[in-house]
PDB file of N, CA and C in Angstrom:
ATOM      1  N   MET A   1      33.628 -41.093  18.119  1.00  0.00           N
ATOM      2  CA  MET A   1      33.288 -39.664  18.245  1.00  0.00           C
ATOM      3  C   MET A   1      33.533 -39.783  20.006  1.00  0.00           C
ATOM      4  N   THR A   2      34.081 -39.322  20.794  1.00  0.00           N
ATOM      5  CA  THR A   2      34.157 -39.096  21.845  1.00  0.00           C
ATOM      6  C   THR A   2      33.174 -38.401  22.256  1.00  0.00           C
ATOM      7  N   ARG A   3      32.796 -38.417  23.930  1.00  0.00           N
ATOM      8  CA  ARG A   3      31.254 -37.783  24.048  1.00  0.00           C
ATOM      9  C   ARG A   3      31.702 -35.979  24.329  1.00  0.00           C
ATOM     10  N   SER A   4      32.901 -35.679  24.523  1.00  0.00           N
ATOM     11  CA  SER A   4      33.242 -34.107  24.110  1.00  0.00           C
ATOM     12  C   SER A   4      33.314 -33.670  22.803  1.00  0.00           C
ATOM     13  N   THR A   5      33.759 -34.520  22.073  1.00  0.00           N
ATOM     14  CA  THR A   5      33.572 -34.229  20.480  1.00  0.00           C
ATOM     15  C   THR A   5      32.187 -34.195  20.103  1.00  0.00           C
ATOM     16  N   ARG A   6      31.114 -35.305  20.606  1.00  0.00           N
ATOM     17  CA  ARG A   6      29.775 -35.126  20.250  1.00  0.00           C
ATOM     18  C   ARG A   6      29.314 -33.892  20.685  1.00  0.00           C
ATOM     19  N   GLY A   7      29.482 -33.666  21.729  1.00  0.00           N
ATOM     20  CA  GLY A   7      28.894 -31.988  22.801  1.00  0.00           C
ATOM     21  C   GLY A   7      29.035 -31.130  21.664  1.00  0.00           C
ATOM     22  N   SER A   8      30.359 -31.198  21.485  1.00  0.00           N
ATOM     23  CA  SER A   8      30.617 -29.608  20.830  1.00  0.00           C
ATOM     24  C   SER A   8      30.170 -29.912  19.507  1.00  0.00           C
ATOM     25  N   ALA A   9      29.733 -30.835  18.807  1.00  0.00           N
ATOM     26  CA  ALA A   9      29.152 -30.847  17.520  1.00  0.00           C
ATOM     27  C   ALA A   9      28.070 -30.556  17.693  1.00  0.00           C
ATOM     28  N   ARG A  10      27.093 -31.187  18.780  1.00  0.00           N
ATOM     29  CA  ARG A  10      25.898 -30.663  19.023  1.00  0.00           C
ATOM     30  C   ARG A  10      25.590 -29.114  19.347  1.00  0.00           C
ATOM     31  N   ARG A  11      26.290 -28.403  20.274  1.00  0.00           N
ATOM     32  CA  ARG A  11      26.803 -26.958  20.189  1.00  0.00           C
ATOM     33  C   ARG A  11      26.700 -26.242  18.999  1.00  0.00           C
ATOM     34  N   PHE A  12      27.853 -26.766  18.043  1.00  0.00           N
ATOM     35  CA  PHE A  12      27.735 -26.136  16.893  1.00  0.00           C
ATOM     36  C   PHE A  12      26.802 -26.157  16.292  1.00  0.00           C
ATOM     37  N   VAL A  13      25.842 -27.268  16.028  1.00  0.00           N
ATOM     38  CA  VAL A  13      24.867 -27.428  14.950  1.00  0.00           C
ATOM     39  C   VAL A  13      23.476 -26.505  15.798  1.00  0.00           C
ATOM     40  N   VAL A  14      23.429 -26.542  17.046  1.00  0.00           N
ATOM     41  CA  VAL A  14      22.212 -25.605  17.860  1.00  0.00           C
ATOM     42  C   VAL A  14      22.965 -24.090  17.457  1.00  0.00           C
ATOM     43  N   ALA A  15      23.847 -23.672  17.564  1.00  0.00           N
ATOM     44  CA  ALA A  15      24.270 -22.114  17.203  1.00  0.00           C
ATOM     45  C   ALA A  15      24.033 -22.010  15.825  1.00  0.00           C
ATOM     46  N   LEU A  16      24.154 -22.740  14.806  1.00  0.00           N
ATOM     47  CA  LEU A  16      24.170 -23.010  13.546  1.00  0.00           C
ATOM     48  C   LEU A  16      22.721 -22.641  13.014  1.00  0.00           C
ATOM     49  N   THR A  17      22.040 -23.090  13.684  1.00  0.00           N
ATOM     50  CA  THR A  17      20.603 -23.304  13.700  1.00  0.00           C
ATOM     51  C   THR A  17      20.081 -21.997  14.134  1.00  0.00           C
ATOM     52  N   LEU A  18      20.189 -21.601  15.311  1.00  0.00           N
ATOM     53  CA  LEU A  18      20.106 -20.363  15.652  1.00  0.00           C
ATOM     54  C   LEU A  18      20.496 -19.151  14.871  1.00  0.00           C
ATOM     55  N   ALA A  19      21.610 -18.977  14.395  1.00  0.00           N
ATOM     56  CA  ALA A  19      22.165 -18.206  13.678  1.00  0.00           C
ATOM     57  C   ALA A  19      21.476 -17.770  12.443  1.00  0.00           C
ATOM     58  N   LEU A  20      21.115 -19.375  11.507  1.00  0.00           N
ATOM     59  CA  LEU A  20      20.019 -18.988  10.235  1.00  0.00           C
ATOM     60  C   LEU A  20      18.680 -18.486  10.814  1.00  0.00           C
ATOM     61  N   GLY A  21      18.177 -19.072  11.771  1.00  0.00           N
ATOM     62  CA  GLY A  21      17.073 -18.696  11.921  1.00  0.00           C
ATOM     63  C   GLY A  21      16.926 -17.194  12.451  1.00  0.00           C
ATOM     64  N   THR A  22      17.846 -16.458  13.180  1.00  0.00           N
ATOM     65  CA  THR A  22      18.043 -15.280  13.318  1.00  0.00           C
ATOM     66  C   THR A  22      18.064 -14.210  12.157  1.00  0.00           C
ATOM     67  N   GLY A  23      18.975 -14.837  11.144  1.00  0.00           N
ATOM     68  CA  GLY A  23      19.050 -14.079   9.768  1.00  0.00           C
ATOM     69  C   GLY A  23      17.830 -13.934   8.980  1.00  0.00           C
ATOM     70  N   ALA A  24      16.934 -15.590   9.015  1.00  0.00           N
ATOM     71  CA  ALA A  24      15.641 -15.302   8.336  1.00  0.00           C
ATOM     72  C   ALA A  24      14.843 -14.246   8.725  1.00  0.00           C
ATOM     73  N   LEU A  25      14.596 -14.424  10.065  1.00  0.00           N
ATOM     74  CA  LEU A  25      13.552 -13.419  10.686  1.00  0.00           C
ATOM     75  C   LEU A  25      14.329 -11.915  10.305  1.00  0.00           C
ATOM     76  N   LEU A  26      15.393 -11.690  10.196  1.00  0.00           N
ATOM     77  CA  LEU A  26      15.909  -9.998  10.312  1.00  0.00           C
ATOM     78  C   LEU A  26      15.377  -9.791   8.510  1.00  0.00           C
ATOM     79  N   ALA A  27      15.587 -11.120   7.887  1.00  0.00           N
ATOM     80  CA  ALA A  27      15.378 -10.500   6.387  1.00  0.00           C
ATOM     81  C   ALA A  27      13.922 -10.481   6.327  1.00  0.00           C
ATOM     82  N   CYS A  28      13.233 -10.923   7.270  1.00  0.00           N
ATOM     83  CA  CYS A  28      11.568 -10.971   7.225  1.00  0.00           C
ATOM     84  C   CYS A  28      11.350  -9.329   7.297  1.00  0.00           C
ATOM     85  N   GLY A  29      11.843  -8.784   8.487  1.00  0.00           N
ATOM     86  CA  GLY A  29      11.965  -7.549   8.734  1.00  0.00           C
ATOM     87  C   GLY A  29      12.093  -6.526   7.900  1.00  0.00           C
ATOM     88  N   ASN A  30      12.656  -6.775   6.603  1.00  0.00           N
ATOM     89  CA  ASN A  30      13.014  -5.366   5.764  1.00  0.00           C
ATOM     90  C   ASN A  30      11.815  -5.097   4.988  1.00  0.00           C
ATOM     91  N   THR A  31      10.457  -5.710   5.095  1.00  0.00           N
ATOM     92  CA  THR A  31       9.692  -5.259   4.317  1.00  0.00           C
ATOM     93  C   THR A  31       9.023  -3.729   4.558  1.00  0.00           C
ATOM     94  N   PRO A  32       8.641  -2.812   3.906  1.00  0.00           N
ATOM     95  CA  PRO A  32       8.374  -1.630   4.356  1.00  0.00           C
ATOM     96  C   PRO A  32       6.879  -1.188   4.917  1.00  0.00           C
ATOM     97  N   ALA A  33       6.809  -0.699   6.160  1.00  0.00           N
ATOM     98  CA  ALA A  33       5.355  -0.160   6.108  1.00  0.00           C
ATOM     99  C   ALA A  33       4.467  -0.088   5.957  1.00  0.00           C
ATOM    100  N   PRO A  34       3.359  -0.218   5.652  1.00  0.00           N
ATOM    101  CA  PRO A  34       2.506   0.711   4.872  1.00  0.00           C
ATOM    102  C   PRO A  34       2.422   2.026   5.529  1.00  0.00           C
ATOM    103  N   ARG A  35       2.055   2.625   4.137  1.00  0.00           N
ATOM    104  CA  ARG A  35       1.875   4.502   3.985  1.00  0.00           C
ATOM    105  C   ARG A  35       0.689   4.690   3.830  1.00  0.00           C
ATOM    106  N   VAL A  36       0.696   6.018   4.263  1.00  0.00           N
ATOM    107  CA  VAL A  36      -0.864   6.689   3.919  1.00  0.00           C
ATOM    108  C   VAL A  36      -0.345   7.548   2.701  1.00  0.00           C
ATOM    109  N   HIS A  37      -0.917   7.944   1.788  1.00  0.00           N
ATOM    110  CA  HIS A  37      -0.661   8.878   0.800  1.00  0.00           C
ATOM    111  C   HIS A  37      -2.200   9.614   0.857  1.00  0.00           C
ATOM    112  N   THR A  38      -1.812  11.498   0.306  1.00  0.00           N
ATOM    113  CA  THR A  38      -3.142  12.048   0.259  1.00  0.00           C
ATOM    114  C   THR A  38      -3.163  12.452  -1.195  1.00  0.00           C
ATOM    115  N   VAL A  39      -4.543  12.662  -1.713  1.00  0.00           N
ATOM    116  CA  VAL A  39      -4.805  13.317  -2.731  1.00  0.00           C
ATOM    117  C   VAL A  39      -5.607  14.134  -2.709  1.00  0.00           C
ATOM    118  N   GLU A  40      -5.316  15.440  -3.103  1.00  0.00           N
ATOM    119  CA  GLU A  40      -6.310  16.604  -3.020  1.00  0.00           C
ATOM    120  C   GLU A  40      -6.944  16.700  -4.022  1.00  0.00           C
ATOM    121  N   ILE A  41      -8.514  17.198  -4.252  1.00  0.00           N
ATOM    122  CA  ILE A  41      -9.152  17.236  -5.264  1.00  0.00           C
ATOM    123  C   ILE A  41      -9.508  18.583  -4.632  1.00  0.00           C
ATOM    124  N   SER A  42      -8.950  19.347  -6.010  1.00  0.00           N
ATOM    125  CA  SER A  42      -9.648  20.791  -6.488  1.00  0.00           C
ATOM    126  C   SER A  42      -9.136  21.335  -7.530  1.00  0.00           C
ATOM    127  N   GLY A  43     -10.083  22.156  -7.777  1.00  0.00           N
ATOM    128  CA  GLY A  43      -9.884  22.763  -9.679  1.00  0.00           C
ATOM    129  C   GLY A  43     -10.403  21.632 -10.300  1.00  0.00           C
ATOM    130  N   LEU A  44     -11.265  20.880  -9.999  1.00  0.00           N
ATOM    131  CA  LEU A  44     -11.976  19.520 -10.677  1.00  0.00           C
ATOM    132  C   LEU A  44     -10.842  18.923 -11.403  1.00  0.00           C
ATOM    133  N   ALA A  45      -9.769  18.695 -10.422  1.00  0.00           N
ATOM    134  CA  ALA A  45      -8.642  17.543 -10.700  1.00  0.00           C
ATOM    135  C   ALA A  45      -8.144  16.940  -9.575  1.00  0.00           C
ATOM    136  N   PHE A  46      -7.600  15.722  -9.609  1.00  0.00           N
ATOM    137  CA  PHE A  46      -6.961  14.824  -8.653  1.00  0.00           C
ATOM    138  C   PHE A  46      -5.700  15.586  -8.346  1.00  0.00           C
ATOM    139  N   HIS A  47      -5.059  16.040  -7.270  1.00  0.00           N
ATOM    140  CA  HIS A  47      -3.629  16.089  -7.142  1.00  0.00           C
ATOM    141  C   HIS A  47      -2.785  15.474  -6.514  1.00  0.00           C
ATOM    142  N   PRO A  48      -1.813  14.362  -6.452  1.00  0.00           N
ATOM    143  CA  PRO A  48      -1.659  14.169  -7.908  1.00  0.00           C
ATOM    144  C   PRO A  48      -2.355  13.453  -8.663  1.00  0.00           C
ATOM    145  N   ALA A  49      -2.479  13.656 -10.107  1.00  0.00           N
ATOM    146  CA  ALA A  49      -3.279  12.705 -10.625  1.00  0.00           C
ATOM    147  C   ALA A  49      -2.379  11.092 -10.998  1.00  0.00           C
ATOM    148  N   GLU A  50      -1.158  10.970 -10.748  1.00  0.00           N
ATOM    149  CA  GLU A  50      -0.456   9.580 -10.869  1.00  0.00           C
ATOM    150  C   GLU A  50      -0.245   9.686  -9.345  1.00  0.00           C
ATOM    151  N   LEU A  51      -0.022   8.388  -8.883  1.00  0.00           N
ATOM    152  CA  LEU A  51       0.438   8.367  -7.426  1.00  0.00           C
ATOM    153  C   LEU A  51       1.432   6.843  -7.418  1.00  0.00           C
ATOM    154  N   ASN A  52       2.530   6.622  -6.804  1.00  0.00           N
ATOM    155  CA  ASN A  52       3.142   5.543  -6.822  1.00  0.00           C
ATOM    156  C   ASN A  52       2.670   4.875  -5.574  1.00  0.00           C
ATOM    157  N   VAL A  53       2.349   3.518  -5.147  1.00  0.00           N
ATOM    158  CA  VAL A  53       1.858   3.239  -3.867  1.00  0.00           C
ATOM    159  C   VAL A  53       2.076   1.518  -3.967  1.00  0.00           C
ATOM    160  N   ALA A  54       2.287   1.061  -2.922  1.00  0.00           N
ATOM    161  CA  ALA A  54       2.241  -0.356  -2.899  1.00  0.00           C
ATOM    162  C   ALA A  54       1.107  -1.083  -2.003  1.00  0.00           C
ATOM    163  N   VAL A  55       1.075  -2.389  -2.280  1.00  0.00           N
ATOM    164  CA  VAL A  55      -0.185  -3.251  -1.803  1.00  0.00           C
ATOM    165  C   VAL A  55       0.058  -3.118  -0.402  1.00  0.00           C
ATOM    166  N   GLY A  56      -0.962  -2.532   0.146  1.00  0.00           N
ATOM    167  CA  GLY A  56      -1.379  -2.239   1.745  1.00  0.00           C
ATOM    168  C   GLY A  56      -1.193  -0.831   2.141  1.00  0.00           C
ATOM    169  N   ASP A  57      -0.829   0.268   1.321  1.00  0.00           N
ATOM    170  CA  ASP A  57      -0.950   1.041   1.536  1.00  0.00           C
ATOM    171  C   ASP A  57      -2.222   2.032   1.612  1.00  0.00           C
ATOM    172  N   THR A  58      -2.603   3.043   1.913  1.00  0.00           N
ATOM    173  CA  THR A  58      -3.420   3.507   2.214  1.00  0.00           C
ATOM    174  C   THR A  58      -3.780   4.849   1.696  1.00  0.00           C
ATOM    175  N   VAL A  59      -4.714   5.130   0.280  1.00  0.00           N
ATOM    176  CA  VAL A  59      -4.967   6.466  -0.060  1.00  0.00           C
ATOM    177  C   VAL A  59      -5.907   7.248   0.140  1.00  0.00           C
ATOM    178  N   VAL A  60      -5.777   8.396   1.044  1.00  0.00           N
ATOM    179  CA  VAL A  60      -6.544   9.212   1.208  1.00  0.00           C
ATOM    180  C   VAL A  60      -7.368  10.097   0.519  1.00  0.00           C
ATOM    181  N   TRP A  61      -8.441  10.370  -0.367  1.00  0.00           N
ATOM    182  CA  TRP A  61      -8.546  11.391  -1.008  1.00  0.00           C
ATOM    183  C   TRP A  61      -9.331  12.575   0.005  1.00  0.00           C
ATOM    184  N   VAL A  62      -8.868  13.693  -0.428  1.00  0.00           N
ATOM    185  CA  VAL A  62      -9.708  15.069   0.739  1.00  0.00           C
ATOM    186  C   VAL A  62     -10.069  16.446  -0.623  1.00  0.00           C
ATOM    187  N   ASN A  63     -11.425  16.133  -0.267  1.00  0.00           N
ATOM    188  CA  ASN A  63     -12.049  17.307  -1.352  1.00  0.00           C
ATOM    189  C   ASN A  63     -12.057  18.746  -0.988  1.00  0.00           C
ATOM    190  N   ARG A  64     -11.114  19.467  -1.561  1.00  0.00           N
ATOM    191  CA  ARG A  64     -10.629  20.903  -1.114  1.00  0.00           C
ATOM    192  C   ARG A  64     -11.841  21.924  -2.364  1.00  0.00           C
ATOM    193  N   ASP A  65     -12.692  21.246  -2.976  1.00  0.00           N
ATOM    194  CA  ASP A  65     -13.459  21.737  -4.215  1.00  0.00           C
ATOM    195  C   ASP A  65     -14.981  22.008  -3.350  1.00  0.00           C
ATOM    196  N   ILE A  66     -15.532  22.975  -4.205  1.00  0.00           N
ATOM    197  CA  ILE A  66     -16.978  23.412  -4.008  1.00  0.00           C
ATOM    198  C   ILE A  66     -17.801  22.499  -4.399  1.00  0.00           C
ATOM    199  N   PHE A  67     -17.379  21.793  -5.568  1.00  0.00           N
ATOM    200  CA  PHE A  67     -18.234  20.475  -5.895  1.00  0.00           C
ATOM    201  C   PHE A  67     -18.211  19.413  -5.336  1.00  0.00           C
ATOM    202  N   PRO A  68     -19.416  18.345  -4.990  1.00  0.00           N
ATOM    203  CA  PRO A  68     -18.960  17.007  -4.497  1.00  0.00           C
ATOM    204  C   PRO A  68     -18.088  16.495  -5.586  1.00  0.00           C
ATOM    205  N   HIS A  69     -17.374  15.397  -5.119  1.00  0.00           N
ATOM    206  CA  HIS A  69     -16.752  14.261  -6.112  1.00  0.00           C
ATOM    207  C   HIS A  69     -16.769  12.824  -5.277  1.00  0.00           C
ATOM    208  N   THR A  70     -15.822  12.062  -6.472  1.00  0.00           N
ATOM    209  CA  THR A  70     -15.793  10.930  -5.918  1.00  0.00           C
ATOM    210  C   THR A  70     -14.591  10.107  -6.413  1.00  0.00           C
ATOM    211  N   ALA A  71     -13.993   9.294  -5.743  1.00  0.00           N
ATOM    212  CA  ALA A  71     -12.975   8.671  -6.311  1.00  0.00           C
ATOM    213  C   ALA A  71     -13.341   7.197  -6.798  1.00  0.00           C
ATOM    214  N   THR A  72     -13.532   6.963  -7.912  1.00  0.00           N
ATOM    215  CA  THR A  72     -14.300   5.305  -8.411  1.00  0.00           C
ATOM    216  C   THR A  72     -13.427   4.576  -9.233  1.00  0.00           C
ATOM    217  N   ALA A  73     -13.283   3.613  -8.623  1.00  0.00           N
ATOM    218  CA  ALA A  73     -12.168   2.638  -9.497  1.00  0.00           C
ATOM    219  C   ALA A  73     -12.864   2.128 -10.996  1.00  0.00           C
ATOM    220  N   SER A  74     -11.960   2.280 -11.891  1.00  0.00           N
ATOM    221  CA  SER A  74     -12.583   1.654 -13.255  1.00  0.00           C
ATOM    222  C   SER A  74     -11.990   0.656 -13.397  1.00  0.00           C
ATOM    223  N   GLY A  75     -12.994  -0.128 -14.044  1.00  0.00           N
ATOM    224  CA  GLY A  75     -12.673  -1.537 -14.150  1.00  0.00           C
ATOM    225  C   GLY A  75     -13.248  -2.277 -12.985  1.00  0.00           C
ATOM    226  N   ALA A  76     -12.620  -3.842 -12.703  1.00  0.00           N
ATOM    227  CA  ALA A  76     -13.078  -4.562 -12.127  1.00  0.00           C
ATOM    228  C   ALA A  76     -12.890  -4.689 -10.405  1.00  0.00           C
ATOM    229  N   SER A  77     -11.798  -3.555 -10.269  1.00  0.00           N
ATOM    230  CA  SER A  77     -11.275  -3.408  -8.735  1.00  0.00           C
ATOM    231  C   SER A  77     -12.688  -3.248  -7.899  1.00  0.00           C
ATOM    232  N   GLY A  78     -13.372  -2.186  -8.243  1.00  0.00           N
ATOM    233  CA  GLY A  78     -14.477  -2.002  -7.663  1.00  0.00           C
ATOM    234  C   GLY A  78     -14.639  -1.196  -6.258  1.00  0.00           C
ATOM    235  N   TRP A  79     -13.601  -0.342  -6.265  1.00  0.00           N
ATOM    236  CA  TRP A  79     -13.890   0.341  -4.840  1.00  0.00           C
ATOM    237  C   TRP A  79     -14.515   1.747  -5.302  1.00  0.00           C
ATOM    238  N   ASP A  80     -14.987   2.439  -4.395  1.00  0.00           N
ATOM    239  CA  ASP A  80     -15.398   3.587  -4.209  1.00  0.00           C
ATOM    240  C   ASP A  80     -15.442   4.497  -3.238  1.00  0.00           C
ATOM    241  N   THR A  81     -14.961   5.519  -3.247  1.00  0.00           N
ATOM    242  CA  THR A  81     -15.317   6.722  -1.780  1.00  0.00           C
ATOM    243  C   THR A  81     -16.459   7.061  -1.334  1.00  0.00           C
ATOM    244  N   GLY A  82     -17.548   6.973  -2.312  1.00  0.00           N
ATOM    245  CA  GLY A  82     -18.750   7.393  -2.263  1.00  0.00           C
ATOM    246  C   GLY A  82     -18.598   9.166  -2.871  1.00  0.00           C
ATOM    247  N   THR A  83     -19.386   9.686  -2.378  1.00  0.00           N
ATOM    248  CA  THR A  83     -19.668  11.276  -2.787  1.00  0.00           C
ATOM    249  C   THR A  83     -18.977  11.527  -1.423  1.00  0.00           C
ATOM    250  N   LEU A  84     -18.113  12.922  -1.585  1.00  0.00           N
ATOM    251  CA  LEU A  84     -17.561  13.666  -1.098  1.00  0.00           C
ATOM    252  C   LEU A  84     -17.844  15.169  -0.900  1.00  0.00           C
ATOM    253  N   ALA A  85     -18.430  15.537  -0.077  1.00  0.00           N
ATOM    254  CA  ALA A  85     -18.537  17.192  -0.143  1.00  0.00           C
ATOM    255  C   ALA A  85     -17.317  17.886   0.318  1.00  0.00           C
ATOM    256  N   GLU A  86     -17.583  19.010   0.050  1.00  0.00           N
ATOM    257  CA  GLU A  86     -16.022  19.890   0.228  1.00  0.00           C
ATOM    258  C   GLU A  86     -16.005  19.708   1.935  1.00  0.00           C
ATOM    259  N   GLY A  87     -14.446  19.405   1.866  1.00  0.00           N
ATOM    260  CA  GLY A  87     -14.139  19.433   3.251  1.00  0.00           C
ATOM    261  C   GLY A  87     -13.723  18.033   3.691  1.00  0.00           C
ATOM    262  N   MET A  88     -14.748  17.128   3.073  1.00  0.00           N
ATOM    263  CA  MET A  88     -14.814  15.585   3.224  1.00  0.00           C
ATOM    264  C   MET A  88     -13.794  14.671   2.780  1.00  0.00           C
ATOM    265  N   SER A  89     -13.471  13.467   3.396  1.00  0.00           N
ATOM    266  CA  SER A  89     -12.327  12.664   2.810  1.00  0.00           C
ATOM    267  C   SER A  89     -13.146  11.342   2.767  1.00  0.00           C
ATOM    268  N   GLY A  90     -12.011  10.385   1.950  1.00  0.00           N
ATOM    269  CA  GLY A  90     -12.716   9.097   1.628  1.00  0.00           C
ATOM    270  C   GLY A  90     -11.171   8.458   1.595  1.00  0.00           C
ATOM    271  N   ARG A  91     -11.180   7.033   1.820  1.00  0.00           N
ATOM    272  CA  ARG A  91      -9.872   6.544   1.988  1.00  0.00           C
ATOM    273  C   ARG A  91     -10.114   5.043   1.230  1.00  0.00           C
ATOM    274  N   VAL A  92      -8.933   4.324   0.366  1.00  0.00           N
ATOM    275  CA  VAL A  92      -8.904   3.095   0.389  1.00  0.00           C
ATOM    276  C   VAL A  92      -7.845   2.515   0.555  1.00  0.00           C
ATOM    277  N   VAL A  93      -7.663   0.968   0.615  1.00  0.00           N
ATOM    278  CA  VAL A  93      -6.260   0.361   1.188  1.00  0.00           C
ATOM    279  C   VAL A  93      -6.197  -0.394   0.081  1.00  0.00           C
ATOM    280  N   VAL A  94      -5.078  -0.388  -0.714  1.00  0.00           N
ATOM    281  CA  VAL A  94      -4.659  -0.955  -2.127  1.00  0.00           C
ATOM    282  C   VAL A  94      -4.234  -2.157  -1.552  1.00  0.00           C
ATOM    283  N   SER A  95      -4.866  -3.118  -2.306  1.00  0.00           N
ATOM    284  CA  SER A  95      -4.923  -4.396  -2.387  1.00  0.00           C
ATOM    285  C   SER A  95      -4.927  -5.094  -3.724  1.00  0.00           C
ATOM    286  N   ASP A  96      -4.750  -4.337  -5.048  1.00  0.00           N
ATOM    287  CA  ASP A  96      -4.384  -5.091  -5.965  1.00  0.00           C
ATOM    288  C   ASP A  96      -2.917  -4.757  -6.398  1.00  0.00           C
ATOM    289  N   GLY A  97      -2.481  -5.883  -7.432  1.00  0.00           N
ATOM    290  CA  GLY A  97      -0.661  -5.398  -7.449  1.00  0.00           C
ATOM    291  C   GLY A  97      -0.889  -5.031  -9.193  1.00  0.00           C
ATOM    292  N   ALA A  98      -1.706  -4.135  -9.072  1.00  0.00           N
ATOM    293  CA  ALA A  98      -1.811  -3.897 -10.604  1.00  0.00           C
ATOM    294  C   ALA A  98      -1.899  -2.323 -10.671  1.00  0.00           C
ATOM    295  N   GLU A  99      -1.873  -1.681 -11.749  1.00  0.00           N
ATOM    296  CA  GLU A  99      -2.355  -0.222 -12.296  1.00  0.00           C
ATOM    297  C   GLU A  99      -3.765  -0.206 -12.006  1.00  0.00           C
ATOM    298  N   LEU A 100      -4.296   1.044 -11.180  1.00  0.00           N
ATOM    299  CA  LEU A 100      -5.276   1.212 -11.094  1.00  0.00           C
ATOM    300  C   LEU A 100      -6.181   2.435 -11.258  1.00  0.00           C
ATOM    301  N   SER A 101      -6.788   2.604 -12.249  1.00  0.00           N
ATOM    302  CA  SER A 101      -7.214   3.877 -12.939  1.00  0.00           C
ATOM    303  C   SER A 101      -8.706   4.227 -12.292  1.00  0.00           C
ATOM    304  N   TYR A 102      -8.798   5.399 -11.811  1.00  0.00           N
ATOM    305  CA  TYR A 102      -9.965   5.874 -11.151  1.00  0.00           C
ATOM    306  C   TYR A 102     -10.548   7.246 -12.079  1.00  0.00           C
ATOM    307  N   ARG A 103     -11.762   7.394 -11.505  1.00  0.00           N
ATOM    308  CA  ARG A 103     -12.267   8.804 -12.063  1.00  0.00           C
ATOM    309  C   ARG A 103     -12.998   9.660 -10.998  1.00  0.00           C
ATOM    310  N   CYS A 104     -13.864  10.402 -11.108  1.00  0.00           N
ATOM    311  CA  CYS A 104     -15.018  10.855 -10.620  1.00  0.00           C
ATOM    312  C   CYS A 104     -16.137  10.503 -11.117  1.00  0.00           C
ATOM    313  N   SER A 105     -17.093   9.842 -10.552  1.00  0.00           N
ATOM    314  CA  SER A 105     -18.135   9.593 -11.302  1.00  0.00           C
ATOM    315  C   SER A 105     -19.309  10.774 -11.727  1.00  0.00           C
ATOM    316  N   LEU A 106     -18.941  12.154 -11.161  1.00  0.00           N
ATOM    317  CA  LEU A 106     -19.643  12.903 -10.991  1.00  0.00           C
ATOM    318  C   LEU A 106     -19.375  13.736 -12.191  1.00  0.00           C
ATOM    319  N   HIS A 107     -18.150  13.776 -12.449  1.00  0.00           N
ATOM    320  CA  HIS A 107     -17.250  14.892 -13.393  1.00  0.00           C
ATOM    321  C   HIS A 107     -16.149  13.601 -13.946  1.00  0.00           C
ATOM    322  N   PRO A 108     -16.678  13.163 -15.159  1.00  0.00           N
ATOM    323  CA  PRO A 108     -15.756  11.874 -15.621  1.00  0.00           C
ATOM    324  C   PRO A 108     -14.957  12.027 -16.358  1.00  0.00           C
ATOM    325  N   THR A 109     -14.426  13.697 -16.601  1.00  0.00           N
ATOM    326  CA  THR A 109     -13.216  14.110 -17.446  1.00  0.00           C
ATOM    327  C   THR A 109     -11.789  14.030 -16.258  1.00  0.00           C
ATOM    328  N   MET A 110     -12.690  13.832 -14.825  1.00  0.00           N
ATOM    329  CA  MET A 110     -11.386  13.815 -14.036  1.00  0.00           C
ATOM    330  C   MET A 110     -10.899  12.659 -13.612  1.00  0.00           C
ATOM    331  N   GLN A 111      -9.786  12.478 -13.905  1.00  0.00           N
ATOM    332  CA  GLN A 111      -9.353  11.015 -13.858  1.00  0.00           C
ATOM    333  C   GLN A 111      -7.963  10.942 -13.341  1.00  0.00           C
ATOM    334  N   GLY A 112      -7.592   9.555 -12.845  1.00  0.00           N
ATOM    335  CA  GLY A 112      -6.215   9.874 -11.782  1.00  0.00           C
ATOM    336  C   GLY A 112      -5.818   8.411 -11.825  1.00  0.00           C
ATOM    337  N   ARG A 113      -4.226   8.016 -11.458  1.00  0.00           N
ATOM    338  CA  ARG A 113      -3.888   6.622 -11.841  1.00  0.00           C
ATOM    339  C   ARG A 113      -3.175   6.303 -10.323  1.00  0.00           C
ATOM    340  N   LEU A 114      -3.412   5.055  -9.940  1.00  0.00           N
ATOM    341  CA  LEU A 114      -2.588   4.777  -8.952  1.00  0.00           C
ATOM    342  C   LEU A 114      -1.666   3.506  -9.664  1.00  0.00           C
ATOM    343  N   ILE A 115      -0.395   3.755  -9.592  1.00  0.00           N
ATOM    344  CA  ILE A 115       0.664   2.482 -10.048  1.00  0.00           C
ATOM    345  C   ILE A 115       1.211   2.297  -8.773  1.00  0.00           C
ATOM    346  N   VAL A 116       0.805   0.852  -8.573  1.00  0.00           N
ATOM    347  CA  VAL A 116       1.436  -0.109  -7.313  1.00  0.00           C
ATOM    348  C   VAL A 116       2.685  -0.622  -7.799  1.00  0.00           C
ATOM    349  N   ILE A 117       3.800  -0.265  -7.344  1.00  0.00           N
ATOM    350  CA  ILE A 117       4.950  -0.782  -6.942  1.00  0.00           C
ATOM    351  C   ILE A 117       5.324  -1.957  -6.305  1.00  0.00           C
ATOM    352  N   ARG A 118       6.276  -2.450  -6.683  1.00  0.00           N
ATOM    353  CA  ARG A 118       6.758  -3.896  -6.033  1.00  0.00           C
ATOM    354  C   ARG A 118       8.054  -3.945  -5.114  1.00  0.00           C
TER     355      ARG A 118
END
């Protein structure tokens, strides 16, 4: 190989490496940004009762009822907004990758579900 051929080969390898690295970075940038979802509590119900969310999203429950309510996870997830009086809100960042059922601990017939999409 001559000196100019080696130089061309090196430039080609460097250009290829940069191109592949840039492509990998662009592919990583396709992850959607976390979203904020709102669930209204009114009429002794969660609206919407089912919500599609992604890991990293934030869910905010806003109590529009005159009664106090909670949004309390069923099972091992263990999150709870605490008691929300009228006009108050509570939030949870979704960290589990499965369906998450929840209820109002003060009114157990009030139930909701977060469906974690991938």
